[in-house]
Protein backbone atom coordinates (compact mmCIF):
# COMPACT_ATOMS: atom_id res chain seq x y z
CA MET A 1 50.55 -20.41 -56.23
CA THR A 2 49.28 -22.40 -53.38
CA ARG A 3 47.46 -21.71 -50.17
CA SER A 4 51.24 -20.42 -48.82
CA LEU A 5 50.65 -17.37 -50.79
CA VAL A 6 47.46 -15.90 -49.18
CA ALA A 7 48.63 -17.47 -45.63
CA ASP A 8 52.18 -16.63 -45.47
CA ASP A 9 52.86 -13.96 -48.24
CA PRO A 10 50.22 -11.63 -48.04
CA GLU A 11 52.32 -8.84 -49.46
CA ARG A 12 52.87 -10.72 -52.77
CA CYS A 13 49.31 -10.74 -53.36
CA TYR A 14 48.57 -6.82 -52.91
CA ARG A 15 51.57 -5.86 -54.79
CA ALA A 16 50.17 -8.38 -57.69
CA VAL A 17 46.56 -6.51 -56.86
CA ARG A 18 48.44 -3.36 -57.05
CA SER A 19 50.03 -4.70 -60.57
CA ARG A 20 46.19 -5.66 -61.89
CA ASP A 21 48.40 -9.50 -62.33
CA ALA A 22 45.84 -11.13 -64.06
CA ARG A 23 48.31 -14.39 -64.03
CA PHE A 24 46.69 -14.50 -60.47
CA ASP A 25 42.99 -14.65 -61.17
CA GLY A 26 41.10 -17.59 -60.03
CA VAL A 27 44.24 -18.62 -57.58
CA PHE A 28 43.00 -16.03 -54.51
CA PHE A 29 40.80 -13.26 -54.31
CA THR A 30 40.84 -10.00 -53.04
CA GLY A 31 38.39 -8.79 -50.33
CA VAL A 32 37.38 -5.16 -49.65
CA ARG A 33 36.19 -4.55 -46.25
CA THR A 34 35.03 -1.23 -46.98
CA THR A 35 32.72 -1.89 -49.89
CA GLY A 36 31.78 -4.89 -49.04
CA ILE A 37 32.66 -6.65 -52.54
CA TYR A 38 35.40 -9.61 -53.37
CA CYS A 39 37.39 -9.06 -56.59
CA ARG A 40 39.81 -11.02 -59.22
CA PRO A 41 43.12 -9.63 -58.66
CA SER A 42 42.95 -8.29 -61.92
CA CYS A 43 40.02 -5.90 -61.12
CA PRO A 44 40.44 -2.53 -63.04
CA ALA A 45 38.93 -0.81 -60.26
CA VAL A 46 41.17 1.54 -58.31
CA THR A 47 42.90 -0.34 -55.69
CA PRO A 48 41.90 -0.47 -52.58
CA LEU A 49 44.45 0.43 -49.48
CA ARG A 50 46.11 -2.52 -48.15
CA ARG A 51 44.93 -1.57 -44.64
CA ASN A 52 41.21 -2.67 -46.26
CA VAL A 53 41.83 -6.16 -47.94
CA SER A 54 41.93 -9.75 -47.55
CA PHE A 55 42.89 -12.62 -49.12
CA PHE A 56 40.64 -15.38 -49.89
CA VAL A 57 41.79 -18.96 -51.23
CA THR A 58 38.11 -19.83 -52.60
CA ALA A 59 35.02 -17.15 -53.63
CA ALA A 60 33.41 -19.46 -51.04
CA ALA A 61 35.46 -18.41 -48.17
CA ALA A 62 34.92 -14.48 -49.14
CA HIS A 63 31.05 -15.16 -49.08
CA ALA A 64 31.85 -16.58 -45.52
CA ALA A 65 33.68 -13.54 -44.71
CA GLY A 66 30.21 -11.81 -45.89
CA LEU A 67 31.66 -10.31 -49.41
CA ARG A 68 29.74 -10.29 -52.69
CA ALA A 69 30.72 -10.23 -55.84
CA CYS A 70 32.03 -8.10 -57.84
CA ARG A 71 29.59 -6.77 -60.65
CA ARG A 72 32.75 -5.15 -62.63
CA CYS A 73 35.52 -8.00 -63.07
CA LEU A 74 32.95 -11.20 -62.16
CA PRO A 75 35.85 -12.57 -59.82
CA ASP A 76 33.80 -16.15 -60.17
CA ALA A 77 33.83 -16.40 -63.66
CA THR A 78 38.11 -16.75 -63.75
CA PRO A 79 39.76 -20.43 -64.52
CA GLY A 80 39.86 -22.45 -62.06
CA SER A 81 42.71 -22.42 -59.73
CA PRO A 82 45.72 -24.75 -60.54
CA GLU A 83 46.10 -25.81 -57.15
CA TRP A 84 43.47 -27.86 -57.48
CA ASN A 85 45.46 -29.95 -60.12
CA VAL A 86 48.64 -30.28 -58.32
CA ARG A 87 47.56 -30.97 -54.40
CA ALA A 88 47.42 -34.69 -54.10
CA ASP A 89 46.00 -34.07 -50.16
CA ALA A 90 42.90 -34.90 -49.20
CA VAL A 91 42.22 -31.14 -49.74
CA GLY A 92 43.05 -31.63 -53.59
CA ARG A 93 41.05 -34.53 -54.13
CA ALA A 94 37.98 -33.28 -52.26
CA MET A 95 37.79 -29.60 -54.11
CA ARG A 96 37.76 -32.08 -57.58
CA LEU A 97 34.88 -34.04 -56.10
CA ILE A 98 33.20 -30.97 -55.27
CA ARG A 99 33.74 -29.22 -58.45
CA ASP A 100 32.44 -32.60 -60.15
CA GLY A 101 29.23 -32.14 -57.93
CA VAL A 102 29.69 -34.87 -55.64
CA VAL A 103 27.83 -33.04 -52.83
CA GLU A 104 25.30 -32.30 -55.01
CA ARG A 105 24.51 -35.79 -55.63
CA GLU A 106 25.82 -37.78 -52.42
CA GLY A 107 25.54 -34.85 -49.63
CA VAL A 108 28.64 -34.45 -47.37
CA ASP A 109 28.80 -38.08 -46.50
CA GLY A 110 29.49 -38.91 -49.52
CA LEU A 111 32.06 -36.78 -50.08
CA ALA A 112 33.23 -37.73 -46.93
CA SER A 113 33.14 -41.43 -47.47
CA ARG A 114 34.85 -41.35 -51.06
CA LEU A 115 37.74 -39.06 -49.17
CA GLY A 116 38.27 -42.15 -46.51
CA TYR A 117 37.57 -39.76 -43.34
CA SER A 118 34.87 -38.90 -40.79
CA ARG A 119 32.21 -35.90 -42.02
CA ARG A 120 33.45 -33.81 -38.99
CA HIS A 121 37.03 -34.31 -40.05
CA VAL A 122 36.38 -33.41 -43.75
CA GLN A 123 34.42 -29.99 -41.97
CA ARG A 124 37.51 -29.08 -39.97
CA MET A 125 40.32 -30.05 -42.83
CA LEU A 126 38.23 -28.05 -45.84
CA HIS A 127 37.37 -24.79 -43.12
CA SER A 128 41.26 -24.57 -42.06
CA HIS A 129 42.90 -25.10 -45.48
CA LEU A 130 40.30 -23.26 -47.51
CA GLY A 131 37.88 -21.32 -45.15
CA ALA A 132 34.58 -22.73 -45.88
CA GLY A 133 33.24 -25.89 -45.72
CA PRO A 134 32.03 -28.44 -48.11
CA LEU A 135 28.59 -27.32 -48.09
CA ALA A 136 29.55 -23.57 -48.51
CA LEU A 137 32.08 -24.82 -51.11
CA ALA A 138 29.25 -26.34 -52.77
CA ARG A 139 27.40 -23.37 -53.19
CA SER A 140 29.26 -20.97 -53.85
CA GLN A 141 30.02 -23.40 -57.16
CA ARG A 142 26.37 -23.66 -58.03
CA ALA A 143 25.93 -19.44 -57.43
CA HIS A 144 28.83 -19.73 -60.15
CA THR A 145 26.81 -22.27 -62.29
CA ALA A 146 23.53 -20.26 -62.08
CA ARG A 147 24.89 -16.78 -62.68
CA THR A 148 26.76 -18.02 -65.93
CA LEU A 149 23.00 -19.65 -67.36
CA ILE A 150 21.22 -16.95 -66.06
CA GLU A 151 23.60 -14.27 -68.23
CA THR A 152 23.63 -16.80 -70.96
CA THR A 153 21.21 -18.82 -71.74
CA THR A 154 17.30 -18.40 -72.00
CA LEU A 155 16.35 -21.12 -69.67
CA PRO A 156 13.51 -20.45 -67.40
CA PHE A 157 14.36 -20.11 -63.51
CA ALA A 158 12.86 -22.94 -62.46
CA ASP A 159 15.28 -24.82 -64.92
CA VAL A 160 18.38 -22.36 -63.85
CA ALA A 161 17.77 -23.83 -60.41
CA PHE A 162 17.62 -27.16 -61.25
CA ALA A 163 20.90 -27.45 -63.22
CA ALA A 164 23.04 -25.29 -60.93
CA GLY A 165 21.77 -28.25 -58.46
CA PHE A 166 19.75 -26.27 -55.95
CA ALA A 167 17.31 -27.58 -53.85
CA SER A 168 14.78 -25.46 -54.52
CA VAL A 169 13.46 -22.06 -56.48
CA ARG A 170 13.00 -19.81 -53.34
CA GLN A 171 17.06 -21.55 -52.34
CA PHE A 172 18.37 -20.14 -55.81
CA ASN A 173 16.73 -16.96 -55.69
CA ASP A 174 18.32 -15.94 -51.95
CA THR A 175 21.76 -17.28 -52.78
CA ILE A 176 21.89 -15.23 -55.89
CA ARG A 177 20.86 -11.94 -53.93
CA GLU A 178 22.74 -13.10 -51.14
CA VAL A 179 25.89 -13.59 -53.39
CA TYR A 180 25.32 -11.21 -56.39
CA ALA A 181 23.26 -8.48 -54.32
CA ARG A 182 21.40 -8.65 -57.20
CA ALA A 183 17.94 -10.22 -58.23
CA PRO A 184 18.28 -13.16 -60.79
CA GLY A 185 15.29 -11.17 -63.07
CA GLN A 186 18.50 -8.04 -62.96
CA MET A 187 21.01 -10.59 -64.16
CA ARG A 188 19.33 -11.62 -66.96
CA ALA A 189 19.24 -8.16 -68.08
CA ARG A 190 22.82 -8.26 -68.92
CA ARG A 191 22.71 -11.28 -71.49
CA PRO A 192 23.26 -9.34 -74.77
CA ARG A 193 19.90 -9.26 -77.49
CA GLY A 194 20.61 -11.23 -80.37
CA ASP A 195 22.44 -14.01 -77.97
CA ASP A 196 23.57 -16.92 -80.25
CA SER A 197 22.30 -19.63 -76.96
CA ARG A 198 21.39 -22.70 -78.62
CA PRO A 199 17.32 -23.39 -78.19
CA GLY A 200 16.12 -25.80 -76.44
CA ARG A 201 15.96 -27.01 -72.70
CA SER A 202 18.62 -29.15 -72.44
CA GLN A 203 20.95 -27.58 -75.52
CA LEU A 204 23.51 -24.97 -73.22
CA ARG A 205 26.07 -22.77 -75.20
CA LEU A 206 28.39 -21.72 -72.47
CA ARG A 207 32.09 -19.94 -72.65
CA LEU A 208 34.34 -21.68 -70.66
CA ALA A 209 37.32 -18.46 -69.18
CA VAL A 210 41.33 -20.07 -70.14
CA ARG A 211 44.48 -18.91 -68.52
CA GLN A 212 46.39 -17.47 -70.91
CA PRO A 213 48.51 -18.57 -72.82
CA PHE A 214 46.68 -21.12 -74.26
CA ASP A 215 48.04 -23.55 -76.88
CA GLY A 216 44.50 -24.47 -78.96
CA ASP A 217 46.33 -25.74 -82.14
CA GLY A 218 48.52 -28.13 -80.38
CA LEU A 219 45.38 -29.58 -78.06
CA ALA A 220 43.20 -29.78 -81.25
CA ALA A 221 46.39 -31.66 -83.18
CA PHE A 222 46.72 -33.99 -80.54
CA LEU A 223 42.65 -35.19 -79.57
CA ALA A 224 42.35 -35.70 -83.35
CA ALA A 225 45.65 -37.90 -83.99
CA ARG A 226 43.83 -39.99 -81.13
CA ALA A 227 40.30 -39.73 -82.02
CA VAL A 228 38.28 -42.52 -81.71
CA PRO A 229 35.70 -43.21 -84.70
CA ALA A 230 32.03 -42.64 -84.31
CA VAL A 231 33.05 -41.62 -80.59
CA GLU A 232 35.21 -37.95 -81.48
CA VAL A 233 35.21 -35.96 -84.30
CA VAL A 234 38.02 -33.01 -84.61
CA THR A 235 38.16 -30.78 -86.93
CA GLU A 236 40.57 -27.60 -87.11
CA ARG A 237 39.99 -26.62 -83.55
CA HIS A 238 36.85 -28.14 -83.06
CA TYR A 239 36.29 -30.88 -81.15
CA ALA A 240 33.03 -33.06 -80.41
CA ARG A 241 32.02 -35.86 -78.46
CA VAL A 242 29.58 -38.23 -76.65
CA LEU A 243 29.71 -38.03 -72.66
CA ARG A 244 28.42 -40.42 -69.89
CA LEU A 245 27.41 -38.13 -67.12
CA SER A 246 26.06 -38.70 -63.75
CA HIS A 247 22.07 -38.57 -64.58
CA GLY A 248 22.66 -39.64 -68.22
CA GLN A 249 24.19 -39.09 -71.89
CA GLY A 250 25.82 -35.90 -73.29
CA LEU A 251 27.05 -33.97 -75.94
CA VAL A 252 29.51 -31.75 -76.24
CA ALA A 253 30.92 -29.67 -79.16
CA LEU A 254 33.90 -27.30 -78.10
CA SER A 255 35.79 -24.47 -79.93
CA LEU A 256 38.76 -23.54 -79.06
CA GLY A 257 39.63 -19.92 -79.55
CA THR A 258 42.25 -18.10 -78.77
CA ASP A 259 41.38 -16.34 -75.12
CA HIS A 260 38.09 -18.93 -74.03
CA VAL A 261 36.17 -22.12 -75.18
CA THR A 262 33.20 -22.23 -76.43
CA ALA A 263 31.46 -25.29 -75.40
CA ASP A 264 27.96 -26.32 -77.40
CA LEU A 265 26.12 -29.36 -74.54
CA ASP A 266 23.43 -31.10 -74.87
CA LEU A 267 22.30 -33.25 -72.39
CA ASP A 268 19.73 -35.34 -71.05
CA ASP A 269 19.39 -34.24 -67.65
CA LEU A 270 20.57 -30.40 -67.00
CA ARG A 271 21.82 -31.46 -63.88
CA ASP A 272 25.00 -32.59 -65.01
CA VAL A 273 25.34 -28.95 -66.24
CA ALA A 274 28.83 -28.58 -64.12
CA GLY A 275 29.68 -31.59 -64.25
CA ALA A 276 29.92 -32.24 -67.90
CA VAL A 277 31.69 -28.45 -68.12
CA GLN A 278 34.00 -29.81 -65.13
CA ARG A 279 34.88 -32.60 -67.78
CA CYS A 280 35.78 -30.32 -70.37
CA ARG A 281 38.40 -28.25 -68.58
CA ALA A 282 39.83 -31.22 -67.38
CA LEU A 283 40.26 -32.51 -70.74
CA LEU A 284 41.30 -29.03 -72.19
CA ASP A 285 43.55 -28.54 -68.99
CA LEU A 286 42.11 -25.03 -69.10
CA ASP A 287 42.84 -24.02 -65.10
CA ALA A 288 46.58 -25.27 -66.14
CA ASP A 289 49.27 -22.07 -64.93
CA PRO A 290 51.26 -21.67 -67.99
CA HIS A 291 53.61 -18.84 -66.31
CA ALA A 292 54.54 -21.06 -62.96
CA ILE A 293 55.12 -24.39 -65.38
CA GLY A 294 57.17 -21.77 -67.50
CA GLU A 295 59.10 -20.35 -65.12
CA VAL A 296 60.37 -24.34 -63.89
CA LEU A 297 60.59 -26.22 -66.91
CA GLY A 298 62.23 -22.64 -69.08
CA ALA A 299 64.91 -22.81 -66.28
CA ASP A 300 66.46 -25.54 -67.46
CA PRO A 301 68.74 -24.52 -70.77
CA ALA A 302 67.98 -27.31 -72.54
CA MET A 303 63.95 -26.97 -72.02
CA ALA A 304 64.03 -23.26 -72.41
CA PRO A 305 63.60 -23.11 -76.22
CA LEU A 306 60.46 -25.65 -76.19
CA VAL A 307 58.82 -23.49 -73.08
CA ALA A 308 59.40 -20.21 -75.18
CA ALA A 309 57.92 -21.79 -78.60
CA ARG A 310 54.84 -23.26 -76.85
CA GLY A 311 54.36 -21.25 -73.94
CA GLY A 312 50.27 -21.94 -73.93
CA LEU A 313 51.07 -26.13 -73.96
CA ARG A 314 48.65 -27.82 -71.93
CA VAL A 315 48.55 -31.72 -71.00
CA PRO A 316 45.24 -32.85 -72.49
CA GLY A 317 42.90 -34.90 -69.91
CA HIS A 318 40.11 -36.78 -70.41
CA VAL A 319 36.42 -36.63 -69.77
CA ASP A 320 36.47 -40.55 -68.61
CA GLY A 321 38.81 -41.84 -66.41
CA PHE A 322 38.07 -44.94 -67.54
CA GLU A 323 37.76 -45.00 -71.46
CA LEU A 324 41.36 -43.49 -71.08
CA ALA A 325 42.83 -46.44 -68.87
CA VAL A 326 41.68 -49.21 -71.47
CA ARG A 327 42.79 -47.04 -74.52
CA ALA A 328 46.44 -46.81 -72.73
CA VAL A 329 46.02 -50.49 -72.72
CA LEU A 330 45.47 -50.75 -76.19
CA GLY A 331 47.94 -48.52 -77.44
CA GLN A 332 51.11 -50.02 -75.55
CA GLN A 333 54.16 -51.29 -77.77
CA VAL A 334 51.48 -49.81 -80.90
CA SER A 335 51.84 -46.70 -82.98
CA VAL A 336 49.05 -43.32 -82.01
CA ALA A 337 47.31 -44.61 -85.49
CA ARG A 338 47.21 -48.61 -84.20
CA ALA A 339 45.87 -47.77 -81.14
CA ARG A 340 43.29 -45.47 -82.42
CA THR A 341 42.51 -48.69 -84.93
CA LEU A 342 42.23 -51.49 -82.20
CA ALA A 343 40.07 -48.48 -80.04
CA GLY A 344 37.73 -48.14 -82.68
CA ASP A 345 36.87 -51.92 -83.09
CA LEU A 346 36.19 -51.98 -79.37
CA VAL A 347 33.76 -49.43 -79.78
CA ARG A 348 32.09 -51.34 -82.82
CA ARG A 349 31.89 -54.48 -80.99
CA HIS A 350 30.76 -53.27 -77.45
CA GLY A 351 29.76 -49.75 -77.63
CA ARG A 352 26.34 -48.77 -77.56
CA ASP A 353 24.69 -47.33 -80.53
CA LEU A 354 23.35 -43.80 -81.12
CA SER A 355 22.64 -43.19 -84.38
CA GLY A 356 19.29 -41.85 -85.02
CA GLY A 357 19.63 -39.02 -82.44
CA THR A 358 19.96 -35.68 -84.10
CA ALA A 359 22.35 -34.57 -82.16
CA THR A 360 24.72 -36.78 -83.14
CA ILE A 361 24.05 -36.73 -86.49
CA ARG A 362 24.18 -33.63 -86.49
CA HIS A 363 28.08 -33.78 -84.97
CA GLY A 364 28.88 -37.24 -86.82
CA LEU A 365 29.13 -39.17 -83.29
CA SER A 366 27.14 -42.59 -83.84
CA ARG A 367 28.22 -44.38 -80.56
CA ALA A 368 28.84 -44.57 -77.36
CA PHE A 369 32.43 -46.07 -75.36
CA PRO A 370 32.05 -49.24 -73.91
CA THR A 371 30.72 -49.09 -70.15
CA PRO A 372 33.42 -50.83 -67.24
CA ASP A 373 30.17 -53.21 -67.20
CA ALA A 374 29.41 -53.91 -70.73
CA LEU A 375 33.61 -54.95 -71.07
CA ALA A 376 34.10 -56.80 -67.80
CA ALA A 377 31.53 -59.30 -69.20
CA ALA A 378 32.95 -59.83 -72.88
CA ASP A 379 34.71 -62.48 -73.61
CA PRO A 380 38.36 -61.41 -74.27
CA THR A 381 39.02 -63.77 -77.50
CA THR A 382 36.53 -61.54 -79.90
CA MET A 383 37.93 -57.97 -79.03
CA GLY A 384 39.33 -58.14 -82.38
CA MET A 385 42.99 -58.06 -80.37
CA PRO A 386 45.86 -60.23 -78.93
CA ALA A 387 44.55 -62.38 -75.99
CA SER A 388 46.27 -60.70 -73.26
CA ARG A 389 45.51 -56.94 -74.26
CA GLY A 390 41.92 -58.49 -74.37
CA ARG A 391 42.17 -60.08 -70.92
CA ALA A 392 44.27 -56.81 -69.72
CA VAL A 393 41.16 -54.66 -71.02
CA VAL A 394 38.38 -57.32 -68.86
CA ALA A 395 41.03 -57.05 -65.68
CA LEU A 396 40.72 -53.81 -65.77
CA ALA A 397 36.87 -53.33 -66.32
CA THR A 398 36.51 -55.81 -63.79
CA ALA A 399 38.22 -53.59 -60.95
CA VAL A 400 36.22 -50.56 -61.68
CA ALA A 401 33.04 -52.23 -62.03
CA ALA A 402 33.69 -53.73 -58.75
CA GLY A 403 34.79 -50.64 -57.11
CA GLN A 404 38.04 -51.62 -56.68
CA LEU A 405 39.79 -49.22 -59.05
CA ASP A 406 38.58 -45.36 -58.61
CA LEU A 407 39.53 -43.24 -61.91
CA GLY A 408 37.04 -40.65 -60.75
CA PRO A 409 38.53 -36.92 -60.00
CA GLY A 410 38.79 -37.24 -56.61
CA ALA A 411 41.06 -40.96 -56.88
CA ASP A 412 43.62 -41.34 -54.58
CA ARG A 413 46.40 -41.09 -56.82
CA ASP A 414 49.53 -42.90 -55.52
CA GLU A 415 46.34 -45.27 -54.58
CA THR A 416 44.87 -45.71 -58.10
CA VAL A 417 48.63 -46.05 -59.92
CA SER A 418 49.41 -49.17 -56.99
CA THR A 419 45.98 -50.83 -57.87
CA LEU A 420 46.76 -50.25 -61.97
CA LEU A 421 50.14 -51.76 -61.35
CA SER A 422 48.60 -55.02 -59.45
CA LEU A 423 46.29 -55.59 -62.81
CA PRO A 424 47.59 -58.00 -65.45
CA GLY A 425 48.82 -56.70 -68.58
CA VAL A 426 49.33 -52.79 -66.70
CA GLY A 427 53.11 -51.99 -66.83
CA ARG A 428 54.43 -48.35 -65.30
CA TRP A 429 54.76 -46.72 -68.87
CA THR A 430 50.73 -47.30 -68.97
CA ALA A 431 49.63 -46.34 -65.09
CA GLY A 432 52.01 -43.17 -65.51
CA TYR A 433 50.27 -42.49 -68.42
CA ILE A 434 47.03 -42.66 -66.93
CA ALA A 435 47.56 -40.72 -63.95
CA MET A 436 48.89 -38.04 -66.61
CA ARG A 437 45.83 -38.06 -68.44
CA ALA A 438 43.22 -39.73 -66.68
CA LEU A 439 43.50 -38.64 -62.87
CA GLY A 440 44.99 -34.98 -64.43
CA ASP A 441 48.45 -35.60 -62.43
CA PRO A 442 50.74 -32.77 -63.45
CA ASP A 443 54.13 -34.06 -62.02
CA VAL A 444 54.28 -37.62 -63.84
CA PHE A 445 57.54 -38.26 -66.11
CA LEU A 446 57.22 -41.19 -68.53
CA GLU A 447 60.80 -42.40 -68.22
CA GLY A 448 60.29 -45.52 -70.39
CA ASP A 449 58.90 -43.98 -72.99
CA VAL A 450 60.50 -44.02 -76.50
CA VAL A 451 60.12 -40.90 -77.72
CA VAL A 452 60.83 -39.26 -74.28
CA ARG A 453 64.17 -40.92 -74.35
CA ALA A 454 65.25 -39.92 -77.85
CA ALA A 455 64.40 -36.36 -77.37
CA MET A 456 66.08 -35.69 -74.57
CA SER A 457 68.89 -37.44 -75.91
CA VAL A 458 68.65 -34.61 -78.82
CA LEU A 459 68.50 -31.65 -76.25
CA GLY A 460 71.94 -33.58 -74.81
CA LEU A 461 69.85 -34.05 -71.56
CA PRO A 462 70.78 -38.12 -70.29
CA ALA A 463 68.11 -40.34 -71.62
CA ALA A 464 67.98 -43.26 -69.53
CA GLY A 465 67.95 -44.25 -66.47
CA ARG A 466 68.86 -42.70 -62.99
CA ALA A 467 70.36 -40.13 -64.39
CA ALA A 468 67.28 -39.03 -66.80
CA ALA A 469 65.56 -39.50 -63.53
CA ALA A 470 67.35 -37.24 -61.59
CA HIS A 471 67.70 -34.57 -64.29
CA ALA A 472 63.50 -34.50 -64.34
CA PHE A 473 63.94 -34.11 -60.84
CA GLU A 474 64.54 -30.24 -61.50
CA TRP A 475 61.06 -30.06 -63.57
CA ARG A 476 59.11 -30.97 -60.66
CA PRO A 477 55.90 -30.17 -59.89
CA TRP A 478 55.60 -29.94 -63.59
CA ARG A 479 56.99 -33.10 -65.34
CA SER A 480 53.81 -33.89 -67.20
CA TYR A 481 54.26 -30.78 -68.83
CA ALA A 482 57.94 -31.22 -69.64
CA VAL A 483 56.69 -34.67 -71.38
CA MET A 484 54.41 -32.78 -73.66
CA HIS A 485 56.64 -30.59 -74.36
CA LEU A 486 59.75 -33.52 -74.93
CA TRP A 487 57.12 -35.23 -77.72
CA ARG A 488 56.03 -31.98 -79.30
CA HIS A 489 59.56 -31.70 -79.81
CA SER A 490 60.04 -34.79 -81.37
CA ALA A 491 57.27 -34.60 -83.50
CA HIS A 492 58.12 -30.96 -84.79
CA LEU A 493 61.50 -32.64 -85.90
CA SER A 494 60.55 -35.47 -87.82
CA SER A 495 56.91 -33.93 -89.04
CA SER A 496 57.77 -35.86 -91.84
CA THR A 497 57.86 -39.24 -90.62
CA PRO A 498 55.06 -41.28 -88.45
CA THR A 499 55.95 -41.18 -84.94
CA LYS A 500 56.27 -44.34 -83.26
CA GLU A 501 54.75 -42.68 -79.72
CA ARG A 502 53.88 -44.80 -77.59
CA GLN A 503 50.67 -43.28 -76.14
CA SER A 504 46.28 -43.88 -77.73
């Protein structure tokens, strides 16, 4: 499910449209020339004739072709394409940065600088692969964010425009009319009466689309076992935490439903809406394609029963790459519970005190995780951990604070792993774990993980060395999901015994 599906196999796309296959929602968009609209593949409307149909990789490309979004199937409300998590090239990195709001904050020049290319090359590259340039892609995302806020909140339209990243209310009005062929007021009329939106200018309740199936119970259990006291709270299928965002601080409370996730956001600055949503989607891996993953992993007879039992399994990401990296360093060679204790001690010593805010009190949160600058300036001998581990944390924080290490959504994964391995106290397991969760790399195999080895042995698979790596090679590009399946399988087999899993 990449660009080649649209460019090289349009007939497969049309078959998906004829069968209204929801698995392809968000993967590509169907443009209908005779009606001037574009739809998701599962749109319930009458299937258009093949000669009248074109396919697009992005909604922005459909907008550029002069099409407007279908009012019936709301194509921009689909989960994001899993392609942008899989692709490690410059196009994938660009899309992850655009979704995080880099164009709004830093412009196209800032995007190009982060990618290491000229502005002209980035424009040409994105047009070639996606059918739209960075400004059009960012504009499409702003339109989607605005539509969500218009239809699900009571925010004044000026605030909606501000939150979605528009430069002016006029630009907001013009874009909404062009993309949706309706005025904002007409769209607001769609909002159900008695809606349960959060009150207040910075308190929002949003519905996050999820690609099915979705193992919310497994996600909640994974996050609960690792929740850092005062920073995160997990109860059943509910997760709350403090967020550090581009324009200020935020708090999110996520309710993991079976077919969607509800996100309650409390933000210092409305401009952080899109960034906060993207971090939540990355944390819960909401854009994963369980069917594509299952096809590959399920082809292995040893893995097939695991995939059948947990078809909606996700690889939990994180809302803050630096925080995850620090926790990974703390979790080396210790149990999950011990890593959690070390992280809690670090937060108490160096994290910002948030007690007194009504939102944090409501959710039982009292501290923010320490910033790179705070830990870079810390004395490693006073961190409540072995001095060697404290020095590793300080070295990591120093590299991030100095801009030498990028742990953001647009990071070059290979370059980041190489830099991590050059830091004192960071080994291959730790670098791989950071790539898997902080950078969202779906294809990491933690061959040195003791639990992975044990689980592979139980399944009758080669468990170590080149043989294990060669077998795991067949699971590409979903080796991170294979690791999660093996961890879950091991936990299931030893549910009465504390796991020795080396994770934070």
